Amino acid sequence: REGYEPVEAECGAAALRVLRERPVDAVLLDLRLAADDGLDVLREVRRLGGEPPPVVMLTAHGTIPAAVEAMRRGAAGFLTKPFRNDELLAAVRRAVADGRARGA
């Protein structure tokens, strides 16, 4: 969409600061972060005030239990690396559409 501006954060705390400062359409979050656990960051994203953005979890260490736990904690999607760009785009579009449907 026009005006799309991706935002990156170097860690979970920085991502949460960004999310508190500005609205975003969706979040891509790795399960394993250098300094944080992606599931813990997901939990904090879901605790943000208002309608939190949909979160698509990404991981190179995909297991069924990890995917189940991510979805239980509110992830809108879960992709295992390596993934194709069209898979990522489809997951984000689905998450954003589902989020808008819930918010409407």
PDB file of N, CA and C in Angstrom:
ATOM      1  N   ARG A   1       0.844  -1.184   0.000  1.00  0.00           N
ATOM      2  CA  ARG A   1       0.000   0.000   0.000  1.00  0.00           C
ATOM      3  C   ARG A   1       0.877   1.230   0.000  1.00  0.00           C
ATOM      4  N   GLU A   2       0.354   2.304  -0.489  1.00  0.00           N
ATOM      5  CA  GLU A   2       1.113   3.550  -0.538  1.00  0.00           C
ATOM      6  C   GLU A   2       1.345   4.066   0.872  1.00  0.00           C
ATOM      7  N   GLY A   3       2.535   4.599   1.124  1.00  0.00           N
ATOM      8  CA  GLY A   3       2.859   5.113   2.438  1.00  0.00           C
ATOM      9  C   GLY A   3       3.358   4.056   3.403  1.00  0.00           C
ATOM     10  N   TYR A   4       3.538   2.839   2.913  1.00  0.00           N
ATOM     11  CA  TYR A   4       4.033   1.748   3.757  1.00  0.00           C
ATOM     12  C   TYR A   4       5.456   2.048   4.193  1.00  0.00           C
ATOM     13  N   GLU A   5       5.707   1.951   5.467  1.00  0.00           N
ATOM     14  CA  GLU A   5       7.034   2.211   5.996  1.00  0.00           C
ATOM     15  C   GLU A   5       7.410   1.113   6.986  1.00  0.00           C
ATOM     16  N   PRO A   6       8.264   0.168   6.576  1.00  0.00           N
ATOM     17  CA  PRO A   6       8.664  -0.877   7.521  1.00  0.00           C
ATOM     18  C   PRO A   6       9.499  -0.283   8.651  1.00  0.00           C
ATOM     19  N   VAL A   7       9.350  -0.869   9.819  1.00  0.00           N
ATOM     20  CA  VAL A   7      10.090  -0.439  10.995  1.00  0.00           C
ATOM     21  C   VAL A   7      10.800  -1.662  11.560  1.00  0.00           C
ATOM     22  N   GLU A   8      12.060  -1.513  11.909  1.00  0.00           N
ATOM     23  CA  GLU A   8      12.826  -2.605  12.502  1.00  0.00           C
ATOM     24  C   GLU A   8      13.183  -2.259  13.934  1.00  0.00           C
ATOM     25  N   ALA A   9      13.340  -3.289  14.735  1.00  0.00           N
ATOM     26  CA  ALA A   9      13.782  -3.112  16.118  1.00  0.00           C
ATOM     27  C   ALA A   9      14.870  -4.137  16.402  1.00  0.00           C
ATOM     28  N   GLU A  10      15.878  -3.726  17.141  1.00  0.00           N
ATOM     29  CA  GLU A  10      17.023  -4.606  17.388  1.00  0.00           C
ATOM     30  C   GLU A  10      16.805  -5.618  18.503  1.00  0.00           C
ATOM     31  N   CYS A  11      15.744  -5.454  19.272  1.00  0.00           N
ATOM     32  CA  CYS A  11      15.455  -6.406  20.350  1.00  0.00           C
ATOM     33  C   CYS A  11      13.981  -6.290  20.726  1.00  0.00           C
ATOM     34  N   GLY A  12      13.548  -7.180  21.594  1.00  0.00           N
ATOM     35  CA  GLY A  12      12.149  -7.184  22.015  1.00  0.00           C
ATOM     36  C   GLY A  12      11.734  -5.898  22.704  1.00  0.00           C
ATOM     37  N   ALA A  13      12.582  -5.381  23.584  1.00  0.00           N
ATOM     38  CA  ALA A  13      12.249  -4.144  24.292  1.00  0.00           C
ATOM     39  C   ALA A  13      12.099  -2.982  23.319  1.00  0.00           C
ATOM     40  N   ALA A  14      12.976  -2.908  22.331  1.00  0.00           N
ATOM     41  CA  ALA A  14      12.884  -1.836  21.332  1.00  0.00           C
ATOM     42  C   ALA A  14      11.611  -1.987  20.507  1.00  0.00           C
ATOM     43  N   ALA A  15      11.246  -3.208  20.174  1.00  0.00           N
ATOM     44  CA  ALA A  15      10.017  -3.438  19.421  1.00  0.00           C
ATOM     45  C   ALA A  15       8.804  -2.978  20.224  1.00  0.00           C
ATOM     46  N   LEU A  16       8.777  -3.286  21.493  1.00  0.00           N
ATOM     47  CA  LEU A  16       7.656  -2.868  22.334  1.00  0.00           C
ATOM     48  C   LEU A  16       7.588  -1.346  22.443  1.00  0.00           C
ATOM     49  N   ARG A  17       8.754  -0.679  22.505  1.00  0.00           N
ATOM     50  CA  ARG A  17       8.767   0.792  22.525  1.00  0.00           C
ATOM     51  C   ARG A  17       8.146   1.343  21.241  1.00  0.00           C
ATOM     52  N   VAL A  18       8.533   0.769  20.099  1.00  0.00           N
ATOM     53  CA  VAL A  18       7.976   1.209  18.817  1.00  0.00           C
ATOM     54  C   VAL A  18       6.465   1.034  18.818  1.00  0.00           C
ATOM     55  N   LEU A  19       6.005  -0.116  19.277  1.00  0.00           N
ATOM     56  CA  LEU A  19       4.568  -0.404  19.259  1.00  0.00           C
ATOM     57  C   LEU A  19       3.782   0.510  20.186  1.00  0.00           C
ATOM     58  N   ARG A  20       4.411   0.986  21.239  1.00  0.00           N
ATOM     59  CA  ARG A  20       3.737   1.930  22.138  1.00  0.00           C
ATOM     60  C   ARG A  20       3.672   3.334  21.527  1.00  0.00           C
ATOM     61  N   GLU A  21       4.619   3.639  20.629  1.00  0.00           N
ATOM     62  CA  GLU A  21       4.724   4.978  20.053  1.00  0.00           C
ATOM     63  C   GLU A  21       3.912   5.170  18.789  1.00  0.00           C
ATOM     64  N   ARG A  22       3.665   4.094  18.033  1.00  0.00           N
ATOM     65  CA  ARG A  22       3.013   4.250  16.745  1.00  0.00           C
ATOM     66  C   ARG A  22       2.242   3.000  16.371  1.00  0.00           C
ATOM     67  N   PRO A  23       1.169   3.162  15.626  1.00  0.00           N
ATOM     68  CA  PRO A  23       0.425   1.984  15.166  1.00  0.00           C
ATOM     69  C   PRO A  23       1.180   1.284  14.032  1.00  0.00           C
ATOM     70  N   VAL A  24       1.053  -0.024  13.980  1.00  0.00           N
ATOM     71  CA  VAL A  24       1.601  -0.815  12.875  1.00  0.00           C
ATOM     72  C   VAL A  24       0.519  -1.780  12.415  1.00  0.00           C
ATOM     73  N   ASP A  25       0.630  -2.207  11.165  1.00  0.00           N
ATOM     74  CA  ASP A  25      -0.363  -3.124  10.614  1.00  0.00           C
ATOM     75  C   ASP A  25      -0.129  -4.561  11.047  1.00  0.00           C
ATOM     76  N   ALA A  26       1.135  -4.942  11.227  1.00  0.00           N
ATOM     77  CA  ALA A  26       1.476  -6.311  11.612  1.00  0.00           C
ATOM     78  C   ALA A  26       2.899  -6.337  12.156  1.00  0.00           C
ATOM     79  N   VAL A  27       3.187  -7.401  12.887  1.00  0.00           N
ATOM     80  CA  VAL A  27       4.519  -7.593  13.465  1.00  0.00           C
ATOM     81  C   VAL A  27       5.057  -8.936  12.986  1.00  0.00           C
ATOM     82  N   LEU A  28       6.304  -8.932  12.523  1.00  0.00           N
ATOM     83  CA  LEU A  28       7.031 -10.166  12.234  1.00  0.00           C
ATOM     84  C   LEU A  28       7.999 -10.355  13.381  1.00  0.00           C
ATOM     85  N   LEU A  29       7.903 -11.489  14.051  1.00  0.00           N
ATOM     86  CA  LEU A  29       8.675 -11.709  15.274  1.00  0.00           C
ATOM     87  C   LEU A  29       9.337 -13.067  15.239  1.00  0.00           C
ATOM     88  N   ASP A  30      10.645 -13.082  15.429  1.00  0.00           N
ATOM     89  CA  ASP A  30      11.369 -14.347  15.449  1.00  0.00           C
ATOM     90  C   ASP A  30      11.164 -15.021  16.802  1.00  0.00           C
ATOM     91  N   LEU A  31      11.059 -16.337  16.772  1.00  0.00           N
ATOM     92  CA  LEU A  31      10.885 -17.107  17.997  1.00  0.00           C
ATOM     93  C   LEU A  31      12.111 -17.002  18.895  1.00  0.00           C
ATOM     94  N   ARG A  32      13.288 -17.022  18.279  1.00  0.00           N
ATOM     95  CA  ARG A  32      14.539 -16.928  19.040  1.00  0.00           C
ATOM     96  C   ARG A  32      15.230 -15.620  18.708  1.00  0.00           C
ATOM     97  N   LEU A  33      15.324 -14.779  19.705  1.00  0.00           N
ATOM     98  CA  LEU A  33      15.986 -13.494  19.568  1.00  0.00           C
ATOM     99  C   LEU A  33      17.291 -13.531  20.353  1.00  0.00           C
ATOM    100  N   ALA A  34      18.206 -12.641  20.022  1.00  0.00           N
ATOM    101  CA  ALA A  34      19.514 -12.634  20.684  1.00  0.00           C
ATOM    102  C   ALA A  34      19.382 -12.461  22.201  1.00  0.00           C
ATOM    103  N   ALA A  35      18.590 -11.497  22.621  1.00  0.00           N
ATOM    104  CA  ALA A  35      18.507 -11.194  24.047  1.00  0.00           C
ATOM    105  C   ALA A  35      17.146 -11.528  24.656  1.00  0.00           C
ATOM    106  N   ASP A  36      16.192 -11.939  23.850  1.00  0.00           N
ATOM    107  CA  ASP A  36      14.836 -12.154  24.339  1.00  0.00           C
ATOM    108  C   ASP A  36      14.279 -13.466  23.803  1.00  0.00           C
ATOM    109  N   ASP A  37      13.235 -13.932  24.437  1.00  0.00           N
ATOM    110  CA  ASP A  37      12.479 -15.080  23.951  1.00  0.00           C
ATOM    111  C   ASP A  37      11.292 -14.515  23.170  1.00  0.00           C
ATOM    112  N   GLY A  38      11.146 -14.928  21.924  1.00  0.00           N
ATOM    113  CA  GLY A  38      10.076 -14.404  21.085  1.00  0.00           C
ATOM    114  C   GLY A  38       8.695 -14.618  21.665  1.00  0.00           C
ATOM    115  N   LEU A  39       8.476 -15.747  22.362  1.00  0.00           N
ATOM    116  CA  LEU A  39       7.158 -15.993  22.967  1.00  0.00           C
ATOM    117  C   LEU A  39       6.874 -15.003  24.092  1.00  0.00           C
ATOM    118  N   ASP A  40       7.921 -14.613  24.834  1.00  0.00           N
ATOM    119  CA  ASP A  40       7.737 -13.602  25.880  1.00  0.00           C
ATOM    120  C   ASP A  40       7.391 -12.250  25.269  1.00  0.00           C
ATOM    121  N   VAL A  41       8.066 -11.902  24.167  1.00  0.00           N
ATOM    122  CA  VAL A  41       7.771 -10.640  23.483  1.00  0.00           C
ATOM    123  C   VAL A  41       6.349 -10.687  22.919  1.00  0.00           C
ATOM    124  N   LEU A  42       5.952 -11.816  22.354  1.00  0.00           N
ATOM    125  CA  LEU A  42       4.586 -11.980  21.850  1.00  0.00           C
ATOM    126  C   LEU A  42       3.572 -11.718  22.962  1.00  0.00           C
ATOM    127  N   ARG A  43       3.817 -12.285  24.122  1.00  0.00           N
ATOM    128  CA  ARG A  43       2.916 -12.069  25.259  1.00  0.00           C
ATOM    129  C   ARG A  43       2.794 -10.574  25.575  1.00  0.00           C
ATOM    130  N   GLU A  44       3.913  -9.862  25.558  1.00  0.00           N
ATOM    131  CA  GLU A  44       3.888  -8.432  25.864  1.00  0.00           C
ATOM    132  C   GLU A  44       3.186  -7.635  24.766  1.00  0.00           C
ATOM    133  N   VAL A  45       3.364  -8.024  23.510  1.00  0.00           N
ATOM    134  CA  VAL A  45       2.648  -7.360  22.415  1.00  0.00           C
ATOM    135  C   VAL A  45       1.146  -7.510  22.629  1.00  0.00           C
ATOM    136  N   ARG A  46       0.704  -8.701  22.994  1.00  0.00           N
ATOM    137  CA  ARG A  46      -0.724  -8.968  23.192  1.00  0.00           C
ATOM    138  C   ARG A  46      -1.276  -8.183  24.387  1.00  0.00           C
ATOM    139  N   ARG A  47      -0.406  -7.766  25.306  1.00  0.00           N
ATOM    140  CA  ARG A  47      -0.838  -7.006  26.488  1.00  0.00           C
ATOM    141  C   ARG A  47      -0.912  -5.511  26.242  1.00  0.00           C
ATOM    142  N   LEU A  48      -0.457  -5.054  25.086  1.00  0.00           N
ATOM    143  CA  LEU A  48      -0.516  -3.623  24.796  1.00  0.00           C
ATOM    144  C   LEU A  48      -1.966  -3.169  24.809  1.00  0.00           C
ATOM    145  N   GLY A  49      -2.188  -1.929  25.145  1.00  0.00           N
ATOM    146  CA  GLY A  49      -3.546  -1.405  25.192  1.00  0.00           C
ATOM    147  C   GLY A  49      -4.199  -1.388  23.831  1.00  0.00           C
ATOM    148  N   GLY A  50      -5.511  -1.375  23.821  1.00  0.00           N
ATOM    149  CA  GLY A  50      -6.255  -1.338  22.570  1.00  0.00           C
ATOM    150  C   GLY A  50      -6.189  -2.669  21.848  1.00  0.00           C
ATOM    151  N   GLU A  51      -6.369  -2.623  20.548  1.00  0.00           N
ATOM    152  CA  GLU A  51      -6.305  -3.833  19.726  1.00  0.00           C
ATOM    153  C   GLU A  51      -4.858  -4.012  19.273  1.00  0.00           C
ATOM    154  N   PRO A  52      -4.153  -4.996  19.819  1.00  0.00           N
ATOM    155  CA  PRO A  52      -2.749  -5.176  19.430  1.00  0.00           C
ATOM    156  C   PRO A  52      -2.646  -5.630  17.976  1.00  0.00           C
ATOM    157  N   PRO A  53      -1.520  -5.309  17.339  1.00  0.00           N
ATOM    158  CA  PRO A  53      -1.349  -5.723  15.946  1.00  0.00           C
ATOM    159  C   PRO A  53      -1.207  -7.240  15.844  1.00  0.00           C
ATOM    160  N   PRO A  54      -1.581  -7.811  14.720  1.00  0.00           N
ATOM    161  CA  PRO A  54      -1.371  -9.247  14.533  1.00  0.00           C
ATOM    162  C   PRO A  54       0.128  -9.544  14.458  1.00  0.00           C
ATOM    163  N   VAL A  55       0.500 -10.697  14.995  1.00  0.00           N
ATOM    164  CA  VAL A  55       1.907 -11.100  15.044  1.00  0.00           C
ATOM    165  C   VAL A  55       2.075 -12.402  14.272  1.00  0.00           C
ATOM    166  N   VAL A  56       2.997 -12.401  13.324  1.00  0.00           N
ATOM    167  CA  VAL A  56       3.371 -13.613  12.608  1.00  0.00           C
ATOM    168  C   VAL A  56       4.735 -14.026  13.139  1.00  0.00           C
ATOM    169  N   MET A  57       4.793 -15.203  13.715  1.00  0.00           N
ATOM    170  CA  MET A  57       6.049 -15.717  14.277  1.00  0.00           C
ATOM    171  C   MET A  57       6.867 -16.377  13.173  1.00  0.00           C
ATOM    172  N   LEU A  58       8.176 -16.190  13.239  1.00  0.00           N
ATOM    173  CA  LEU A  58       9.124 -16.782  12.303  1.00  0.00           C
ATOM    174  C   LEU A  58      10.155 -17.567  13.093  1.00  0.00           C
ATOM    175  N   THR A  59      10.600 -18.693  12.553  1.00  0.00           N
ATOM    176  CA  THR A  59      11.639 -19.436  13.243  1.00  0.00           C
ATOM    177  C   THR A  59      12.358 -20.386  12.314  1.00  0.00           C
ATOM    178  N   ALA A  60      13.614 -20.605  12.617  1.00  0.00           N
ATOM    179  CA  ALA A  60      14.395 -21.636  11.929  1.00  0.00           C
ATOM    180  C   ALA A  60      14.334 -22.930  12.723  1.00  0.00           C
ATOM    181  N   HIS A  61      13.708 -22.872  13.871  1.00  0.00           N
ATOM    182  CA  HIS A  61      13.646 -24.011  14.790  1.00  0.00           C
ATOM    183  C   HIS A  61      12.194 -24.409  15.020  1.00  0.00           C
ATOM    184  N   GLY A  62      11.466 -24.599  13.929  1.00  0.00           N
ATOM    185  CA  GLY A  62      10.041 -24.868  14.023  1.00  0.00           C
ATOM    186  C   GLY A  62       9.723 -26.266  14.501  1.00  0.00           C
ATOM    187  N   THR A  63       8.939 -26.333  15.544  1.00  0.00           N
ATOM    188  CA  THR A  63       8.416 -27.604  16.034  1.00  0.00           C
ATOM    189  C   THR A  63       6.924 -27.432  16.223  1.00  0.00           C
ATOM    190  N   ILE A  64       6.223 -28.532  16.228  1.00  0.00           N
ATOM    191  CA  ILE A  64       4.778 -28.456  16.447  1.00  0.00           C
ATOM    192  C   ILE A  64       4.470 -27.861  17.811  1.00  0.00           C
ATOM    193  N   PRO A  65       5.148 -28.273  18.887  1.00  0.00           N
ATOM    194  CA  PRO A  65       4.856 -27.639  20.183  1.00  0.00           C
ATOM    195  C   PRO A  65       5.105 -26.128  20.187  1.00  0.00           C
ATOM    196  N   ALA A  66       6.158 -25.675  19.506  1.00  0.00           N
ATOM    197  CA  ALA A  66       6.435 -24.231  19.455  1.00  0.00           C
ATOM    198  C   ALA A  66       5.327 -23.512  18.703  1.00  0.00           C
ATOM    199  N   ALA A  67       4.881 -24.075  17.597  1.00  0.00           N
ATOM    200  CA  ALA A  67       3.802 -23.460  16.827  1.00  0.00           C
ATOM    201  C   ALA A  67       2.511 -23.421  17.637  1.00  0.00           C
ATOM    202  N   VAL A  68       2.201 -24.500  18.309  1.00  0.00           N
ATOM    203  CA  VAL A  68       0.988 -24.552  19.140  1.00  0.00           C
ATOM    204  C   VAL A  68       1.063 -23.504  20.241  1.00  0.00           C
ATOM    205  N   GLU A  69       2.218 -23.396  20.891  1.00  0.00           N
ATOM    206  CA  GLU A  69       2.372 -22.424  21.976  1.00  0.00           C
ATOM    207  C   GLU A  69       2.252 -20.995  21.446  1.00  0.00           C
ATOM    208  N   ALA A  70       2.847 -20.723  20.295  1.00  0.00           N
ATOM    209  CA  ALA A  70       2.746 -19.381  19.707  1.00  0.00           C
ATOM    210  C   ALA A  70       1.295 -19.035  19.400  1.00  0.00           C
ATOM    211  N   MET A  71       0.565 -19.968  18.819  1.00  0.00           N
ATOM    212  CA  MET A  71      -0.837 -19.717  18.493  1.00  0.00           C
ATOM    213  C   MET A  71      -1.672 -19.577  19.770  1.00  0.00           C
ATOM    214  N   ARG A  72      -1.359 -20.368  20.776  1.00  0.00           N
ATOM    215  CA  ARG A  72      -2.070 -20.274  22.057  1.00  0.00           C
ATOM    216  C   ARG A  72      -1.871 -18.889  22.677  1.00  0.00           C
ATOM    217  N   ARG A  73      -0.680 -18.341  22.486  1.00  0.00           N
ATOM    218  CA  ARG A  73      -0.376 -17.016  23.040  1.00  0.00           C
ATOM    219  C   ARG A  73      -0.868 -15.876  22.155  1.00  0.00           C
ATOM    220  N   GLY A  74      -1.497 -16.202  21.045  1.00  0.00           N
ATOM    221  CA  GLY A  74      -2.127 -15.164  20.243  1.00  0.00           C
ATOM    222  C   GLY A  74      -1.467 -14.837  18.919  1.00  0.00           C
ATOM    223  N   ALA A  75      -0.487 -15.609  18.491  1.00  0.00           N
ATOM    224  CA  ALA A  75       0.114 -15.354  17.183  1.00  0.00           C
ATOM    225  C   ALA A  75      -0.925 -15.566  16.086  1.00  0.00           C
ATOM    226  N   ALA A  76      -0.853 -14.739  15.071  1.00  0.00           N
ATOM    227  CA  ALA A  76      -1.780 -14.857  13.950  1.00  0.00           C
ATOM    228  C   ALA A  76      -1.270 -15.836  12.903  1.00  0.00           C
ATOM    229  N   GLY A  77      -0.007 -16.188  12.984  1.00  0.00           N
ATOM    230  CA  GLY A  77       0.581 -17.113  12.027  1.00  0.00           C
ATOM    231  C   GLY A  77       1.939 -17.581  12.505  1.00  0.00           C
ATOM    232  N   PHE A  78       2.450 -18.617  11.867  1.00  0.00           N
ATOM    233  CA  PHE A  78       3.730 -19.216  12.268  1.00  0.00           C
ATOM    234  C   PHE A  78       4.388 -19.771  11.013  1.00  0.00           C
ATOM    235  N   LEU A  79       5.570 -19.266  10.670  1.00  0.00           N
ATOM    236  CA  LEU A  79       6.304 -19.732   9.496  1.00  0.00           C
ATOM    237  C   LEU A  79       7.674 -20.261   9.910  1.00  0.00           C
ATOM    238  N   THR A  80       8.075 -21.356   9.280  1.00  0.00           N
ATOM    239  CA  THR A  80       9.381 -21.945   9.535  1.00  0.00           C
ATOM    240  C   THR A  80      10.333 -21.559   8.413  1.00  0.00           C
ATOM    241  N   LYS A  81      11.506 -21.062   8.792  1.00  0.00           N
ATOM    242  CA  LYS A  81      12.553 -20.721   7.823  1.00  0.00           C
ATOM    243  C   LYS A  81      13.172 -21.999   7.294  1.00  0.00           C
ATOM    244  N   PRO A  82      13.586 -22.044   6.068  1.00  0.00           N
ATOM    245  CA  PRO A  82      13.407 -20.983   5.076  1.00  0.00           C
ATOM    246  C   PRO A  82      11.986 -21.006   4.541  1.00  0.00           C
ATOM    247  N   PHE A  83      11.475 -19.846   4.232  1.00  0.00           N
ATOM    248  CA  PHE A  83      10.153 -19.732   3.623  1.00  0.00           C
ATOM    249  C   PHE A  83      10.290 -18.887   2.367  1.00  0.00           C
ATOM    250  N   ARG A  84       9.330 -19.033   1.502  1.00  0.00           N
ATOM    251  CA  ARG A  84       9.320 -18.238   0.272  1.00  0.00           C
ATOM    252  C   ARG A  84       8.673 -16.885   0.565  1.00  0.00           C
ATOM    253  N   ASN A  85       9.078 -15.878  -0.188  1.00  0.00           N
ATOM    254  CA  ASN A  85       8.511 -14.541  -0.002  1.00  0.00           C
ATOM    255  C   ASN A  85       7.000 -14.534  -0.146  1.00  0.00           C
ATOM    256  N   ASP A  86       6.474 -15.333  -1.100  1.00  0.00           N
ATOM    257  CA  ASP A  86       5.024 -15.356  -1.279  1.00  0.00           C
ATOM    258  C   ASP A  86       4.326 -15.965  -0.066  1.00  0.00           C
ATOM    259  N   GLU A  87       4.971 -16.909   0.622  1.00  0.00           N
ATOM    260  CA  GLU A  87       4.392 -17.482   1.845  1.00  0.00           C
ATOM    261  C   GLU A  87       4.331 -16.428   2.947  1.00  0.00           C
ATOM    262  N   LEU A  88       5.408 -15.661   3.075  1.00  0.00           N
ATOM    263  CA  LEU A  88       5.448 -14.606   4.085  1.00  0.00           C
ATOM    264  C   LEU A  88       4.392 -13.543   3.782  1.00  0.00           C
ATOM    265  N   LEU A  89       4.331 -13.121   2.546  1.00  0.00           N
ATOM    266  CA  LEU A  89       3.352 -12.111   2.159  1.00  0.00           C
ATOM    267  C   LEU A  89       1.925 -12.596   2.405  1.00  0.00           C
ATOM    268  N   ALA A  90       1.647 -13.845   2.086  1.00  0.00           N
ATOM    269  CA  ALA A  90       0.305 -14.404   2.312  1.00  0.00           C
ATOM    270  C   ALA A  90      -0.018 -14.447   3.805  1.00  0.00           C
ATOM    271  N   ALA A  91       0.949 -14.834   4.619  1.00  0.00           N
ATOM    272  CA  ALA A  91       0.725 -14.901   6.069  1.00  0.00           C
ATOM    273  C   ALA A  91       0.454 -13.518   6.650  1.00  0.00           C
ATOM    274  N   VAL A  92       1.189 -12.523   6.195  1.00  0.00           N
ATOM    275  CA  VAL A  92       0.989 -11.154   6.692  1.00  0.00           C
ATOM    276  C   VAL A  92      -0.360 -10.616   6.221  1.00  0.00           C
ATOM    277  N   ARG A  93      -0.689 -10.832   4.957  1.00  0.00           N
ATOM    278  CA  ARG A  93      -1.985 -10.366   4.460  1.00  0.00           C
ATOM    279  C   ARG A  93      -3.139 -11.001   5.222  1.00  0.00           C
ATOM    280  N   ARG A  94      -3.034 -12.306   5.468  1.00  0.00           N
ATOM    281  CA  ARG A  94      -4.074 -13.020   6.227  1.00  0.00           C
ATOM    282  C   ARG A  94      -4.194 -12.448   7.639  1.00  0.00           C
ATOM    283  N   ALA A  95      -3.046 -12.222   8.279  1.00  0.00           N
ATOM    284  CA  ALA A  95      -3.049 -11.702   9.652  1.00  0.00           C
ATOM    285  C   ALA A  95      -3.669 -10.315   9.716  1.00  0.00           C
ATOM    286  N   VAL A  96      -3.306  -9.455   8.771  1.00  0.00           N
ATOM    287  CA  VAL A  96      -3.853  -8.097   8.760  1.00  0.00           C
ATOM    288  C   VAL A  96      -5.351  -8.126   8.474  1.00  0.00           C
ATOM    289  N   ALA A  97      -5.776  -8.947   7.518  1.00  0.00           N
ATOM    290  CA  ALA A  97      -7.208  -9.037   7.202  1.00  0.00           C
ATOM    291  C   ALA A  97      -7.989  -9.564   8.403  1.00  0.00           C
ATOM    292  N   ASP A  98      -7.481 -10.600   9.049  1.00  0.00           N
ATOM    293  CA  ASP A  98      -8.160 -11.148  10.229  1.00  0.00           C
ATOM    294  C   ASP A  98      -8.209 -10.122  11.354  1.00  0.00           C
ATOM    295  N   GLY A  99      -7.121  -9.374  11.541  1.00  0.00           N
ATOM    296  CA  GLY A  99      -7.088  -8.340  12.573  1.00  0.00           C
ATOM    297  C   GLY A  99      -8.100  -7.239  12.295  1.00  0.00           C
ATOM    298  N   ARG A 100      -8.212  -6.840  11.042  1.00  0.00           N
ATOM    299  CA  ARG A 100      -9.185  -5.800  10.691  1.00  0.00           C
ATOM    300  C   ARG A 100     -10.608  -6.316  10.883  1.00  0.00           C
ATOM    301  N   ALA A 101     -10.848  -7.577  10.552  1.00  0.00           N
ATOM    302  CA  ALA A 101     -12.186  -8.154  10.726  1.00  0.00           C
ATOM    303  C   ALA A 101     -12.572  -8.178  12.207  1.00  0.00           C
ATOM    304  N   ARG A 102     -11.624  -8.495  13.073  1.00  0.00           N
ATOM    305  CA  ARG A 102     -11.900  -8.511  14.519  1.00  0.00           C
ATOM    306  C   ARG A 102     -12.159  -7.120  15.043  1.00  0.00           C
ATOM    307  N   GLY A 103     -11.420  -6.133  14.514  1.00  0.00           N
ATOM    308  CA  GLY A 103     -11.545  -4.753  14.983  1.00  0.00           C
ATOM    309  C   GLY A 103     -12.746  -4.023  14.438  1.00  0.00           C
ATOM    310  N   ALA A 104     -13.345  -4.555  13.379  1.00  0.00           N
ATOM    311  CA  ALA A 104     -14.479  -3.866  12.738  1.00  0.00           C
ATOM    312  C   ALA A 104     -15.748  -3.995  13.533  1.00  0.00           C
TER     313      ALA A 104
END
